[in-house]
Protein backbone atom coordinates (compact mmCIF):
# COMPACT_ATOMS: atom_id res chain seq x y z
CA UNK A 1 -28.72 16.85 14.14
CA UNK A 2 -26.09 16.60 11.40
CA UNK A 3 -25.97 13.55 9.19
CA UNK A 4 -22.76 11.56 9.29
CA UNK A 5 -21.63 9.11 6.62
CA UNK A 6 -18.70 6.77 7.07
CA UNK A 7 -17.26 4.79 4.18
CA UNK A 8 -14.95 1.83 4.37
CA UNK A 9 -13.36 1.90 0.92
CA UNK A 10 -12.21 -1.70 0.89
CA UNK A 11 -13.55 -2.51 -2.54
CA UNK A 12 -17.23 -2.80 -1.69
CA UNK A 13 -18.14 0.70 -2.87
CA UNK A 14 -15.10 1.46 -5.01
CA UNK A 15 -12.16 -0.32 -6.59
CA UNK A 16 -9.00 0.87 -4.82
CA UNK A 17 -6.66 -1.44 -6.79
CA UNK A 18 -5.27 1.14 -9.22
CA UNK A 19 -4.64 3.74 -6.51
CA UNK A 20 -3.02 1.28 -4.13
CA UNK A 21 -0.88 -0.18 -6.92
CA UNK A 22 0.29 3.27 -8.01
CA UNK A 23 1.05 4.23 -4.40
CA UNK A 24 3.06 1.07 -3.78
CA UNK A 25 4.99 1.59 -7.00
CA UNK A 26 5.69 5.21 -6.11
CA UNK A 27 7.22 4.15 -2.78
CA UNK A 28 9.16 1.28 -4.39
CA UNK A 29 10.68 3.37 -7.16
CA UNK A 30 11.52 6.20 -4.75
CA UNK A 31 13.73 3.70 -2.92
CA UNK A 32 15.31 2.22 -6.05
CA UNK A 33 13.09 -0.83 -6.50
CA UNK A 34 11.51 -1.80 -9.81
CA UNK A 35 7.78 -1.05 -10.15
CA UNK A 36 5.44 -4.04 -10.03
CA UNK A 37 2.58 -4.98 -12.32
CA UNK A 38 -0.93 -4.29 -11.07
CA UNK A 39 -1.55 -8.05 -11.11
CA UNK A 40 1.28 -8.47 -8.60
CA UNK A 41 0.17 -5.66 -6.29
CA UNK A 42 -3.48 -6.81 -6.29
CA UNK A 43 -2.70 -9.28 -3.50
CA UNK A 44 -1.93 -6.36 -1.19
CA UNK A 45 -5.32 -4.65 -1.27
CA UNK A 46 -6.55 -5.26 2.26
CA UNK A 47 -3.57 -6.72 4.16
CA UNK A 48 -1.39 -4.41 6.26
CA UNK A 49 0.90 -2.14 4.26
CA UNK A 50 3.92 -3.34 6.24
CA UNK A 51 3.37 -6.86 4.93
CA UNK A 52 3.10 -5.66 1.32
CA UNK A 53 6.38 -3.76 1.58
CA UNK A 54 8.10 -6.69 3.29
CA UNK A 55 7.07 -9.09 0.52
CA UNK A 56 7.72 -6.73 -2.40
CA UNK A 57 11.17 -5.70 -1.15
CA UNK A 58 12.19 -9.08 0.31
CA UNK A 59 13.21 -7.19 3.45
CA UNK A 60 12.53 -7.87 7.11
CA UNK A 61 14.39 -4.74 8.25
CA UNK A 62 11.73 -2.89 10.30
CA UNK A 63 13.41 0.51 9.81
CA UNK A 64 13.60 0.07 6.04
CA UNK A 65 9.97 -1.05 5.85
CA UNK A 66 8.90 1.88 8.02
CA UNK A 67 10.80 4.31 5.79
CA UNK A 68 8.86 3.10 2.76
CA UNK A 69 5.48 3.65 4.42
CA UNK A 70 3.78 6.92 3.44
CA UNK A 71 3.46 7.91 7.10
CA UNK A 72 7.01 6.86 7.95
CA UNK A 73 5.65 4.20 10.28
CA UNK A 74 3.50 6.54 12.35
């Protein structure tokens, strides 16, 4: 039988803050928004990505939020 390991990288085993912050800033700047400080993006490690984009862009437009998601809302 093969061994299987599953990891939930929510901060218990690793610190995803820098990667998530850089990813959010990449999406924001690609759409003309100013990048945010890592201290500002830290609040969005864990909550749904849609909520982070909504708060950071001050937009409730579902299409716009979906366009900023890396998967295009898939």
